[in-house]
């Protein structure tokens, strides 16, 4: 499957969050997201500041998270094209490429505004 097709499929799945407000997404991800829960554990994972190590850690945390897609939708709303790190199990480069596809869909669905 071509990369662009894969990104379009991800955007298709994110359409289910069109009606959710940004506050609703932030509340769900903040309370239940695997990375957020892990940070409240007695021995939370340690970010090293090294891109490869931190990306591997983030991808591991994301792999079992039920809120991956909500997290991805939230990050696209919050950060727009300025993507850094791993959110929703996608590294920043993939999210930067996904953003214009996602944004075009939201512009049609929301009439140009954000929630």
PDB file of N, CA and C in Angstrom:
ATOM      1  N   UNK A   1       0.845  -1.177   0.000  1.00  0.00           N
ATOM      2  CA  UNK A   1       0.000   0.000   0.000  1.00  0.00           C
ATOM      3  C   UNK A   1       0.894   1.245   0.000  1.00  0.00           C
ATOM      4  N   UNK A   2       0.546   2.182  -0.829  1.00  0.00           N
ATOM      5  CA  UNK A   2       1.304   3.426  -0.889  1.00  0.00           C
ATOM      6  C   UNK A   2       1.127   4.228   0.396  1.00  0.00           C
ATOM      7  N   UNK A   3       2.153   4.996   0.721  1.00  0.00           N
ATOM      8  CA  UNK A   3       2.133   5.801   1.946  1.00  0.00           C
ATOM      9  C   UNK A   3       0.944   6.772   1.962  1.00  0.00           C
ATOM     10  N   UNK A   4       0.700   7.434   0.831  1.00  0.00           N
ATOM     11  CA  UNK A   4      -0.410   8.386   0.766  1.00  0.00           C
ATOM     12  C   UNK A   4      -1.751   7.690   1.022  1.00  0.00           C
ATOM     13  N   UNK A   5      -1.917   6.485   0.488  1.00  0.00           N
ATOM     14  CA  UNK A   5      -3.152   5.722   0.723  1.00  0.00           C
ATOM     15  C   UNK A   5      -3.290   5.363   2.202  1.00  0.00           C
ATOM     16  N   UNK A   6      -2.167   5.006   2.830  1.00  0.00           N
ATOM     17  CA  UNK A   6      -2.201   4.658   4.262  1.00  0.00           C
ATOM     18  C   UNK A   6      -2.606   5.880   5.092  1.00  0.00           C
ATOM     19  N   UNK A   7      -2.058   7.041   4.743  1.00  0.00           N
ATOM     20  CA  UNK A   7      -2.412   8.266   5.468  1.00  0.00           C
ATOM     21  C   UNK A   7      -3.878   8.627   5.244  1.00  0.00           C
ATOM     22  N   UNK A   8      -4.379   8.417   4.040  1.00  0.00           N
ATOM     23  CA  UNK A   8      -5.790   8.683   3.752  1.00  0.00           C
ATOM     24  C   UNK A   8      -6.693   7.757   4.579  1.00  0.00           C
ATOM     25  N   UNK A   9      -6.280   6.510   4.752  1.00  0.00           N
ATOM     26  CA  UNK A   9      -7.055   5.576   5.579  1.00  0.00           C
ATOM     27  C   UNK A   9      -7.062   6.013   7.041  1.00  0.00           C
ATOM     28  N   UNK A  10      -5.941   6.515   7.508  1.00  0.00           N
ATOM     29  CA  UNK A  10      -5.893   7.038   8.881  1.00  0.00           C
ATOM     30  C   UNK A  10      -6.854   8.215   9.007  1.00  0.00           C
ATOM     31  N   UNK A  11      -6.831   9.114   8.041  1.00  0.00           N
ATOM     32  CA  UNK A  11      -7.746  10.265   8.057  1.00  0.00           C
ATOM     33  C   UNK A  11      -9.200   9.793   8.039  1.00  0.00           C
ATOM     34  N   UNK A  12      -9.491   8.741   7.294  1.00  0.00           N
ATOM     35  CA  UNK A  12     -10.850   8.173   7.269  1.00  0.00           C
ATOM     36  C   UNK A  12     -11.282   7.759   8.678  1.00  0.00           C
ATOM     37  N   UNK A  13     -10.376   7.079   9.397  1.00  0.00           N
ATOM     38  CA  UNK A  13     -10.710   6.610  10.752  1.00  0.00           C
ATOM     39  C   UNK A  13     -10.903   7.770  11.717  1.00  0.00           C
ATOM     40  N   UNK A  14     -10.166   8.847  11.517  1.00  0.00           N
ATOM     41  CA  UNK A  14     -10.271   9.999  12.417  1.00  0.00           C
ATOM     42  C   UNK A  14     -11.579  10.761  12.234  1.00  0.00           C
ATOM     43  N   UNK A  15     -12.257  10.533  11.118  1.00  0.00           N
ATOM     44  CA  UNK A  15     -13.535  11.227  10.884  1.00  0.00           C
ATOM     45  C   UNK A  15     -14.550  10.954  11.985  1.00  0.00           C
ATOM     46  N   UNK A  16     -14.394   9.864  12.705  1.00  0.00           N
ATOM     47  CA  UNK A  16     -15.365   9.573  13.772  1.00  0.00           C
ATOM     48  C   UNK A  16     -15.291  10.578  14.919  1.00  0.00           C
ATOM     49  N   UNK A  17     -14.232  11.389  14.947  1.00  0.00           N
ATOM     50  CA  UNK A  17     -14.074  12.389  16.004  1.00  0.00           C
ATOM     51  C   UNK A  17     -14.551  13.776  15.589  1.00  0.00           C
ATOM     52  N   UNK A  18     -15.130  13.885  14.421  1.00  0.00           N
ATOM     53  CA  UNK A  18     -15.554  15.183  13.907  1.00  0.00           C
ATOM     54  C   UNK A  18     -16.461  15.919  14.881  1.00  0.00           C
ATOM     55  N   UNK A  19     -17.378  15.227  15.507  1.00  0.00           N
ATOM     56  CA  UNK A  19     -18.354  15.857  16.408  1.00  0.00           C
ATOM     57  C   UNK A  19     -17.810  16.086  17.815  1.00  0.00           C
ATOM     58  N   UNK A  20     -16.692  15.461  18.148  1.00  0.00           N
ATOM     59  CA  UNK A  20     -16.115  15.633  19.482  1.00  0.00           C
ATOM     60  C   UNK A  20     -15.426  16.994  19.566  1.00  0.00           C
ATOM     61  N   UNK A  21     -15.591  17.663  20.694  1.00  0.00           N
ATOM     62  CA  UNK A  21     -14.887  18.928  20.885  1.00  0.00           C
ATOM     63  C   UNK A  21     -13.441  18.632  21.283  1.00  0.00           C
ATOM     64  N   UNK A  22     -12.601  19.612  21.114  1.00  0.00           N
ATOM     65  CA  UNK A  22     -11.207  19.471  21.515  1.00  0.00           C
ATOM     66  C   UNK A  22     -11.117  19.228  23.021  1.00  0.00           C
ATOM     67  N   UNK A  23     -11.961  19.905  23.792  1.00  0.00           N
ATOM     68  CA  UNK A  23     -11.961  19.698  25.249  1.00  0.00           C
ATOM     69  C   UNK A  23     -12.334  18.256  25.605  1.00  0.00           C
ATOM     70  N   UNK A  24     -13.299  17.685  24.904  1.00  0.00           N
ATOM     71  CA  UNK A  24     -13.689  16.296  25.166  1.00  0.00           C
ATOM     72  C   UNK A  24     -12.539  15.340  24.872  1.00  0.00           C
ATOM     73  N   UNK A  25     -11.878  15.569  23.753  1.00  0.00           N
ATOM     74  CA  UNK A  25     -10.738  14.718  23.401  1.00  0.00           C
ATOM     75  C   UNK A  25      -9.626  14.853  24.434  1.00  0.00           C
ATOM     76  N   UNK A  26      -9.321  16.083  24.835  1.00  0.00           N
ATOM     77  CA  UNK A  26      -8.256  16.315  25.813  1.00  0.00           C
ATOM     78  C   UNK A  26      -8.571  15.650  27.149  1.00  0.00           C
ATOM     79  N   UNK A  27      -9.814  15.703  27.547  1.00  0.00           N
ATOM     80  CA  UNK A  27     -10.211  15.072  28.813  1.00  0.00           C
ATOM     81  C   UNK A  27     -10.037  13.560  28.740  1.00  0.00           C
ATOM     82  N   UNK A  28     -10.488  12.943  27.665  1.00  0.00           N
ATOM     83  CA  UNK A  28     -10.394  11.486  27.521  1.00  0.00           C
ATOM     84  C   UNK A  28      -8.940  11.033  27.438  1.00  0.00           C
ATOM     85  N   UNK A  29      -8.170  11.674  26.590  1.00  0.00           N
ATOM     86  CA  UNK A  29      -6.767  11.285  26.413  1.00  0.00           C
ATOM     87  C   UNK A  29      -5.981  11.550  27.696  1.00  0.00           C
ATOM     88  N   UNK A  30      -6.224  12.694  28.321  1.00  0.00           N
ATOM     89  CA  UNK A  30      -5.506  13.040  29.542  1.00  0.00           C
ATOM     90  C   UNK A  30      -5.798  12.111  30.702  1.00  0.00           C
ATOM     91  N   UNK A  31      -7.023  11.616  30.772  1.00  0.00           N
ATOM     92  CA  UNK A  31      -7.411  10.747  31.883  1.00  0.00           C
ATOM     93  C   UNK A  31      -7.100   9.275  31.621  1.00  0.00           C
ATOM     94  N   UNK A  32      -7.181   8.850  30.372  1.00  0.00           N
ATOM     95  CA  UNK A  32      -7.111   7.426  30.067  1.00  0.00           C
ATOM     96  C   UNK A  32      -5.981   7.024  29.129  1.00  0.00           C
ATOM     97  N   UNK A  33      -5.315   7.970  28.513  1.00  0.00           N
ATOM     98  CA  UNK A  33      -4.240   7.641  27.571  1.00  0.00           C
ATOM     99  C   UNK A  33      -3.123   6.873  28.261  1.00  0.00           C
ATOM    100  N   UNK A  34      -2.582   5.871  27.586  1.00  0.00           N
ATOM    101  CA  UNK A  34      -1.544   5.019  28.177  1.00  0.00           C
ATOM    102  C   UNK A  34      -0.334   5.819  28.637  1.00  0.00           C
ATOM    103  N   UNK A  35       0.059   6.820  27.869  1.00  0.00           N
ATOM    104  CA  UNK A  35       1.232   7.612  28.261  1.00  0.00           C
ATOM    105  C   UNK A  35       0.935   8.438  29.500  1.00  0.00           C
ATOM    106  N   UNK A  36      -0.277   8.963  29.584  1.00  0.00           N
ATOM    107  CA  UNK A  36      -0.643   9.775  30.743  1.00  0.00           C
ATOM    108  C   UNK A  36      -0.740   8.913  31.999  1.00  0.00           C
ATOM    109  N   UNK A  37      -1.315   7.737  31.866  1.00  0.00           N
ATOM    110  CA  UNK A  37      -1.413   6.816  32.996  1.00  0.00           C
ATOM    111  C   UNK A  37      -0.017   6.382  33.437  1.00  0.00           C
ATOM    112  N   UNK A  38       0.857   6.083  32.468  1.00  0.00           N
ATOM    113  CA  UNK A  38       2.220   5.637  32.790  1.00  0.00           C
ATOM    114  C   UNK A  38       2.987   6.707  33.564  1.00  0.00           C
ATOM    115  N   UNK A  39       2.733   7.965  33.267  1.00  0.00           N
ATOM    116  CA  UNK A  39       3.452   9.042  33.946  1.00  0.00           C
ATOM    117  C   UNK A  39       3.023   9.209  35.403  1.00  0.00           C
ATOM    118  N   UNK A  40       1.903   8.612  35.785  1.00  0.00           N
ATOM    119  CA  UNK A  40       1.456   8.711  37.177  1.00  0.00           C
ATOM    120  C   UNK A  40       1.873   7.494  38.003  1.00  0.00           C
ATOM    121  N   UNK A  41       2.530   6.528  37.376  1.00  0.00           N
ATOM    122  CA  UNK A  41       2.982   5.334  38.092  1.00  0.00           C
ATOM    123  C   UNK A  41       4.138   5.687  39.025  1.00  0.00           C
ATOM    124  N   UNK A  42       4.372   4.846  40.051  1.00  0.00           N
ATOM    125  CA  UNK A  42       5.471   5.132  40.984  1.00  0.00           C
ATOM    126  C   UNK A  42       6.825   5.278  40.295  1.00  0.00           C
ATOM    127  N   UNK A  43       7.057   4.502  39.223  1.00  0.00           N
ATOM    128  CA  UNK A  43       8.294   4.621  38.467  1.00  0.00           C
ATOM    129  C   UNK A  43       7.940   4.891  37.001  1.00  0.00           C
ATOM    130  N   UNK A  44       7.635   6.138  36.684  1.00  0.00           N
ATOM    131  CA  UNK A  44       7.228   6.459  35.310  1.00  0.00           C
ATOM    132  C   UNK A  44       8.382   6.271  34.332  1.00  0.00           C
ATOM    133  N   UNK A  45       8.058   6.044  33.054  1.00  0.00           N
ATOM    134  CA  UNK A  45       9.120   5.944  32.053  1.00  0.00           C
ATOM    135  C   UNK A  45       9.890   7.260  31.975  1.00  0.00           C
ATOM    136  N   UNK A  46      11.153   7.162  31.658  1.00  0.00           N
ATOM    137  CA  UNK A  46      12.012   8.348  31.632  1.00  0.00           C
ATOM    138  C   UNK A  46      12.328   8.718  30.186  1.00  0.00           C
ATOM    139  N   UNK A  47      12.002   9.960  29.841  1.00  0.00           N
ATOM    140  CA  UNK A  47      12.389  10.483  28.534  1.00  0.00           C
ATOM    141  C   UNK A  47      13.843  10.919  28.630  1.00  0.00           C
ATOM    142  N   UNK A  48      14.640  10.531  27.655  1.00  0.00           N
ATOM    143  CA  UNK A  48      16.078  10.780  27.714  1.00  0.00           C
ATOM    144  C   UNK A  48      16.501  12.058  27.007  1.00  0.00           C
ATOM    145  N   UNK A  49      15.639  12.572  26.149  1.00  0.00           N
ATOM    146  CA  UNK A  49      16.033  13.711  25.330  1.00  0.00           C
ATOM    147  C   UNK A  49      16.712  13.272  24.044  1.00  0.00           C
ATOM    148  N   UNK A  50      16.941  11.963  23.912  1.00  0.00           N
ATOM    149  CA  UNK A  50      17.515  11.413  22.681  1.00  0.00           C
ATOM    150  C   UNK A  50      16.361  10.975  21.785  1.00  0.00           C
ATOM    151  N   UNK A  51      16.336  11.493  20.560  1.00  0.00           N
ATOM    152  CA  UNK A  51      15.203  11.298  19.664  1.00  0.00           C
ATOM    153  C   UNK A  51      14.834   9.827  19.480  1.00  0.00           C
ATOM    154  N   UNK A  52      15.800   8.963  19.161  1.00  0.00           N
ATOM    155  CA  UNK A  52      15.495   7.561  18.879  1.00  0.00           C
ATOM    156  C   UNK A  52      14.970   6.856  20.131  1.00  0.00           C
ATOM    157  N   UNK A  53      15.619   7.050  21.260  1.00  0.00           N
ATOM    158  CA  UNK A  53      15.180   6.406  22.510  1.00  0.00           C
ATOM    159  C   UNK A  53      13.792   6.866  22.919  1.00  0.00           C
ATOM    160  N   UNK A  54      13.560   8.171  22.869  1.00  0.00           N
ATOM    161  CA  UNK A  54      12.263   8.703  23.265  1.00  0.00           C
ATOM    162  C   UNK A  54      11.169   8.259  22.303  1.00  0.00           C
ATOM    163  N   UNK A  55      11.475   8.206  21.006  1.00  0.00           N
ATOM    164  CA  UNK A  55      10.493   7.750  20.016  1.00  0.00           C
ATOM    165  C   UNK A  55      10.146   6.283  20.260  1.00  0.00           C
ATOM    166  N   UNK A  56      11.148   5.450  20.547  1.00  0.00           N
ATOM    167  CA  UNK A  56      10.882   4.033  20.834  1.00  0.00           C
ATOM    168  C   UNK A  56      10.009   3.882  22.075  1.00  0.00           C
ATOM    169  N   UNK A  57      10.304   4.650  23.102  1.00  0.00           N
ATOM    170  CA  UNK A  57       9.500   4.614  24.319  1.00  0.00           C
ATOM    171  C   UNK A  57       8.061   5.027  24.020  1.00  0.00           C
ATOM    172  N   UNK A  58       7.892   6.119  23.305  1.00  0.00           N
ATOM    173  CA  UNK A  58       6.548   6.600  22.984  1.00  0.00           C
ATOM    174  C   UNK A  58       5.784   5.586  22.137  1.00  0.00           C
ATOM    175  N   UNK A  59       6.431   5.008  21.156  1.00  0.00           N
ATOM    176  CA  UNK A  59       5.756   4.019  20.320  1.00  0.00           C
ATOM    177  C   UNK A  59       5.356   2.798  21.139  1.00  0.00           C
ATOM    178  N   UNK A  60       6.205   2.387  22.094  1.00  0.00           N
ATOM    179  CA  UNK A  60       5.861   1.253  22.965  1.00  0.00           C
ATOM    180  C   UNK A  60       4.644   1.577  23.818  1.00  0.00           C
ATOM    181  N   UNK A  61       4.616   2.781  24.391  1.00  0.00           N
ATOM    182  CA  UNK A  61       3.474   3.186  25.211  1.00  0.00           C
ATOM    183  C   UNK A  61       2.200   3.248  24.369  1.00  0.00           C
ATOM    184  N   UNK A  62       2.313   3.781  23.170  1.00  0.00           N
ATOM    185  CA  UNK A  62       1.147   3.927  22.289  1.00  0.00           C
ATOM    186  C   UNK A  62       0.604   2.589  21.803  1.00  0.00           C
ATOM    187  N   UNK A  63       1.458   1.594  21.688  1.00  0.00           N
ATOM    188  CA  UNK A  63       1.062   0.341  21.037  1.00  0.00           C
ATOM    189  C   UNK A  63      -0.160  -0.323  21.664  1.00  0.00           C
ATOM    190  N   UNK A  64      -0.351  -0.207  22.946  1.00  0.00           N
ATOM    191  CA  UNK A  64      -1.492  -0.851  23.578  1.00  0.00           C
ATOM    192  C   UNK A  64      -2.584   0.119  24.015  1.00  0.00           C
ATOM    193  N   UNK A  65      -2.480   1.363  23.589  1.00  0.00           N
ATOM    194  CA  UNK A  65      -3.410   2.380  24.067  1.00  0.00           C
ATOM    195  C   UNK A  65      -4.710   2.385  23.276  1.00  0.00           C
ATOM    196  N   UNK A  66      -5.817   2.390  23.989  1.00  0.00           N
ATOM    197  CA  UNK A  66      -7.138   2.438  23.361  1.00  0.00           C
ATOM    198  C   UNK A  66      -7.468   3.836  22.837  1.00  0.00           C
ATOM    199  N   UNK A  67      -6.661   4.825  23.180  1.00  0.00           N
ATOM    200  CA  UNK A  67      -6.949   6.205  22.807  1.00  0.00           C
ATOM    201  C   UNK A  67      -6.009   6.736  21.729  1.00  0.00           C
ATOM    202  N   UNK A  68      -5.351   5.831  20.991  1.00  0.00           N
ATOM    203  CA  UNK A  68      -4.408   6.242  19.954  1.00  0.00           C
ATOM    204  C   UNK A  68      -5.019   7.224  18.965  1.00  0.00           C
ATOM    205  N   UNK A  69      -6.173   6.874  18.419  1.00  0.00           N
ATOM    206  CA  UNK A  69      -6.776   7.721  17.390  1.00  0.00           C
ATOM    207  C   UNK A  69      -7.295   9.036  17.973  1.00  0.00           C
ATOM    208  N   UNK A  70      -7.842   9.000  19.175  1.00  0.00           N
ATOM    209  CA  UNK A  70      -8.284  10.242  19.822  1.00  0.00           C
ATOM    210  C   UNK A  70      -7.078  11.143  20.083  1.00  0.00           C
ATOM    211  N   UNK A  71      -5.974  10.560  20.493  1.00  0.00           N
ATOM    212  CA  UNK A  71      -4.739  11.302  20.741  1.00  0.00           C
ATOM    213  C   UNK A  71      -4.232  11.930  19.446  1.00  0.00           C
ATOM    214  N   UNK A  72      -4.267  11.167  18.381  1.00  0.00           N
ATOM    215  CA  UNK A  72      -3.826  11.672  17.090  1.00  0.00           C
ATOM    216  C   UNK A  72      -4.700  12.833  16.630  1.00  0.00           C
ATOM    217  N   UNK A  73      -6.008  12.679  16.744  1.00  0.00           N
ATOM    218  CA  UNK A  73      -6.935  13.765  16.382  1.00  0.00           C
ATOM    219  C   UNK A  73      -6.641  15.008  17.215  1.00  0.00           C
ATOM    220  N   UNK A  74      -6.449  14.822  18.500  1.00  0.00           N
ATOM    221  CA  UNK A  74      -6.171  15.944  19.399  1.00  0.00           C
ATOM    222  C   UNK A  74      -4.877  16.650  19.009  1.00  0.00           C
ATOM    223  N   UNK A  75      -3.845  15.895  18.747  1.00  0.00           N
ATOM    224  CA  UNK A  75      -2.553  16.481  18.386  1.00  0.00           C
ATOM    225  C   UNK A  75      -2.641  17.241  17.064  1.00  0.00           C
ATOM    226  N   UNK A  76      -3.377  16.723  16.093  1.00  0.00           N
ATOM    227  CA  UNK A  76      -3.545  17.433  14.825  1.00  0.00           C
ATOM    228  C   UNK A  76      -4.270  18.756  15.047  1.00  0.00           C
ATOM    229  N   UNK A  77      -5.252  18.768  15.940  1.00  0.00           N
ATOM    230  CA  UNK A  77      -5.959  20.017  16.248  1.00  0.00           C
ATOM    231  C   UNK A  77      -5.060  20.996  16.982  1.00  0.00           C
ATOM    232  N   UNK A  78      -4.327  20.518  17.980  1.00  0.00           N
ATOM    233  CA  UNK A  78      -3.501  21.398  18.798  1.00  0.00           C
ATOM    234  C   UNK A  78      -2.276  21.914  18.059  1.00  0.00           C
ATOM    235  N   UNK A  79      -1.572  21.033  17.368  1.00  0.00           N
ATOM    236  CA  UNK A  79      -0.275  21.399  16.806  1.00  0.00           C
ATOM    237  C   UNK A  79      -0.310  21.785  15.338  1.00  0.00           C
ATOM    238  N   UNK A  80      -1.377  21.426  14.660  1.00  0.00           N
ATOM    239  CA  UNK A  80      -1.435  21.747  13.235  1.00  0.00           C
ATOM    240  C   UNK A  80      -0.236  21.173  12.511  1.00  0.00           C
ATOM    241  N   UNK A  81       0.380  21.962  11.658  1.00  0.00           N
ATOM    242  CA  UNK A  81       1.509  21.444  10.891  1.00  0.00           C
ATOM    243  C   UNK A  81       2.818  21.402  11.679  1.00  0.00           C
ATOM    244  N   UNK A  82       2.836  21.905  12.896  1.00  0.00           N
ATOM    245  CA  UNK A  82       4.060  21.957  13.711  1.00  0.00           C
ATOM    246  C   UNK A  82       4.167  20.704  14.579  1.00  0.00           C
ATOM    247  N   UNK A  83       4.445  19.587  13.963  1.00  0.00           N
ATOM    248  CA  UNK A  83       4.450  18.302  14.645  1.00  0.00           C
ATOM    249  C   UNK A  83       5.830  17.951  15.196  1.00  0.00           C
ATOM    250  N   UNK A  84       5.872  17.551  16.465  1.00  0.00           N
ATOM    251  CA  UNK A  84       7.112  17.123  17.103  1.00  0.00           C
ATOM    252  C   UNK A  84       6.794  15.923  17.986  1.00  0.00           C
ATOM    253  N   UNK A  85       7.624  14.900  17.949  1.00  0.00           N
ATOM    254  CA  UNK A  85       7.459  13.745  18.816  1.00  0.00           C
ATOM    255  C   UNK A  85       6.512  12.707  18.247  1.00  0.00           C
ATOM    256  N   UNK A  86       6.050  11.820  19.121  1.00  0.00           N
ATOM    257  CA  UNK A  86       5.143  10.736  18.740  1.00  0.00           C
ATOM    258  C   UNK A  86       3.829  10.937  19.466  1.00  0.00           C
ATOM    259  N   UNK A  87       2.755  10.986  18.707  1.00  0.00           N
ATOM    260  CA  UNK A  87       1.403  11.068  19.264  1.00  0.00           C
ATOM    261  C   UNK A  87       0.532  10.132  18.452  1.00  0.00           C
ATOM    262  N   UNK A  88      -0.369   9.417  19.136  1.00  0.00           N
ATOM    263  CA  UNK A  88      -1.253   8.510  18.418  1.00  0.00           C
ATOM    264  C   UNK A  88      -0.486   7.452  17.658  1.00  0.00           C
ATOM    265  N   UNK A  89       0.677   7.083  18.153  1.00  0.00           N
ATOM    266  CA  UNK A  89       1.547   6.052  17.576  1.00  0.00           C
ATOM    267  C   UNK A  89       2.120   6.447  16.218  1.00  0.00           C
ATOM    268  N   UNK A  90       2.060   7.722  15.864  1.00  0.00           N
ATOM    269  CA  UNK A  90       2.657   8.189  14.600  1.00  0.00           C
ATOM    270  C   UNK A  90       3.781   9.175  14.897  1.00  0.00           C
ATOM    271  N   UNK A  91       4.949   8.952  14.305  1.00  0.00           N
ATOM    272  CA  UNK A  91       6.025   9.923  14.477  1.00  0.00           C
ATOM    273  C   UNK A  91       5.706  11.229  13.760  1.00  0.00           C
ATOM    274  N   UNK A  92       6.439  12.265  14.118  1.00  0.00           N
ATOM    275  CA  UNK A  92       6.155  13.605  13.609  1.00  0.00           C
ATOM    276  C   UNK A  92       6.155  13.701  12.087  1.00  0.00           C
ATOM    277  N   UNK A  93       7.050  13.031  11.409  1.00  0.00           N
ATOM    278  CA  UNK A  93       7.099  13.109   9.945  1.00  0.00           C
ATOM    279  C   UNK A  93       5.796  12.606   9.324  1.00  0.00           C
ATOM    280  N   UNK A  94       5.284  11.499   9.837  1.00  0.00           N
ATOM    281  CA  UNK A  94       4.012  10.968   9.322  1.00  0.00           C
ATOM    282  C   UNK A  94       2.860  11.925   9.622  1.00  0.00           C
ATOM    283  N   UNK A  95       2.863  12.527  10.817  1.00  0.00           N
ATOM    284  CA  UNK A  95       1.781  13.458  11.153  1.00  0.00           C
ATOM    285  C   UNK A  95       1.849  14.726  10.303  1.00  0.00           C
ATOM    286  N   UNK A  96       3.063  15.186   9.995  1.00  0.00           N
ATOM    287  CA  UNK A  96       3.205  16.349   9.116  1.00  0.00           C
ATOM    288  C   UNK A  96       2.626  16.048   7.732  1.00  0.00           C
ATOM    289  N   UNK A  97       2.819  14.831   7.242  1.00  0.00           N
ATOM    290  CA  UNK A  97       2.274  14.442   5.937  1.00  0.00           C
ATOM    291  C   UNK A  97       0.772  14.192   6.012  1.00  0.00           C
ATOM    292  N   UNK A  98       0.297  13.731   7.154  1.00  0.00           N
ATOM    293  CA  UNK A  98      -1.128  13.490   7.354  1.00  0.00           C
ATOM    294  C   UNK A  98      -1.904  14.796   7.501  1.00  0.00           C
ATOM    295  N   UNK A  99      -1.274  15.800   8.094  1.00  0.00           N
ATOM    296  CA  UNK A  99      -1.980  17.036   8.434  1.00  0.00           C
ATOM    297  C   UNK A  99      -2.744  17.672   7.264  1.00  0.00           C
ATOM    298  N   UNK A 100      -2.159  17.859   6.079  1.00  0.00           N
ATOM    299  CA  UNK A 100      -2.932  18.497   5.001  1.00  0.00           C
ATOM    300  C   UNK A 100      -4.139  17.675   4.555  1.00  0.00           C
ATOM    301  N   UNK A 101      -4.011  16.364   4.604  1.00  0.00           N
ATOM    302  CA  UNK A 101      -5.145  15.483   4.250  1.00  0.00           C
ATOM    303  C   UNK A 101      -6.246  15.648   5.291  1.00  0.00           C
ATOM    304  N   UNK A 102      -5.863  15.578   6.571  1.00  0.00           N
ATOM    305  CA  UNK A 102      -6.806  15.725   7.678  1.00  0.00           C
ATOM    306  C   UNK A 102      -7.456  17.107   7.652  1.00  0.00           C
ATOM    307  N   UNK A 103      -6.652  18.146   7.446  1.00  0.00           N
ATOM    308  CA  UNK A 103      -7.148  19.526   7.477  1.00  0.00           C
ATOM    309  C   UNK A 103      -8.153  19.790   6.360  1.00  0.00           C
ATOM    310  N   UNK A 104      -7.891  19.258   5.174  1.00  0.00           N
ATOM    311  CA  UNK A 104      -8.830  19.431   4.055  1.00  0.00           C
ATOM    312  C   UNK A 104     -10.178  18.794   4.386  1.00  0.00           C
ATOM    313  N   UNK A 105     -10.143  17.636   5.032  1.00  0.00           N
ATOM    314  CA  UNK A 105     -11.390  16.968   5.421  1.00  0.00           C
ATOM    315  C   UNK A 105     -12.136  17.784   6.470  1.00  0.00           C
ATOM    316  N   UNK A 106     -11.405  18.281   7.469  1.00  0.00           N
ATOM    317  CA  UNK A 106     -12.060  19.055   8.523  1.00  0.00           C
ATOM    318  C   UNK A 106     -12.612  20.368   7.973  1.00  0.00           C
ATOM    319  N   UNK A 107     -11.918  20.990   7.055  1.00  0.00           N
ATOM    320  CA  UNK A 107     -12.412  22.237   6.467  1.00  0.00           C
ATOM    321  C   UNK A 107     -13.759  22.003   5.787  1.00  0.00           C
ATOM    322  N   UNK A 108     -13.889  20.877   5.112  1.00  0.00           N
ATOM    323  CA  UNK A 108     -15.188  20.546   4.485  1.00  0.00           C
ATOM    324  C   UNK A 108     -16.236  20.223   5.539  1.00  0.00           C
ATOM    325  N   UNK A 109     -15.855  19.476   6.567  1.00  0.00           N
ATOM    326  CA  UNK A 109     -16.814  19.036   7.579  1.00  0.00           C
ATOM    327  C   UNK A 109     -17.224  20.161   8.526  1.00  0.00           C
ATOM    328  N   UNK A 110     -16.289  21.031   8.873  1.00  0.00           N
ATOM    329  CA  UNK A 110     -16.557  22.085   9.838  1.00  0.00           C
ATOM    330  C   UNK A 110     -16.816  23.422   9.180  1.00  0.00           C
ATOM    331  N   UNK A 111     -16.717  23.468   7.887  1.00  0.00           N
ATOM    332  CA  UNK A 111     -16.897  24.743   7.204  1.00  0.00           C
ATOM    333  C   UNK A 111     -15.738  25.694   7.446  1.00  0.00           C
ATOM    334  N   UNK A 112     -14.548  25.147   7.721  1.00  0.00           N
ATOM    335  CA  UNK A 112     -13.356  25.987   7.869  1.00  0.00           C
ATOM    336  C   UNK A 112     -12.961  26.285   9.305  1.00  0.00           C
ATOM    337  N   UNK A 113     -13.855  26.082  10.273  1.00  0.00           N
ATOM    338  CA  UNK A 113     -13.518  26.391  11.671  1.00  0.00           C
ATOM    339  C   UNK A 113     -13.021  25.181  12.420  1.00  0.00           C
ATOM    340  N   UNK A 114     -12.464  25.404  13.600  1.00  0.00           N
ATOM    341  CA  UNK A 114     -12.061  24.301  14.474  1.00  0.00           C
ATOM    342  C   UNK A 114     -12.872  24.348  15.743  1.00  0.00           C
ATOM    343  N   UNK A 115     -13.001  23.206  16.378  1.00  0.00           N
ATOM    344  CA  UNK A 115     -13.787  23.095  17.604  1.00  0.00           C
ATOM    345  C   UNK A 115     -12.932  23.148  18.826  1.00  0.00           C
TER     346      UNK A 115
END
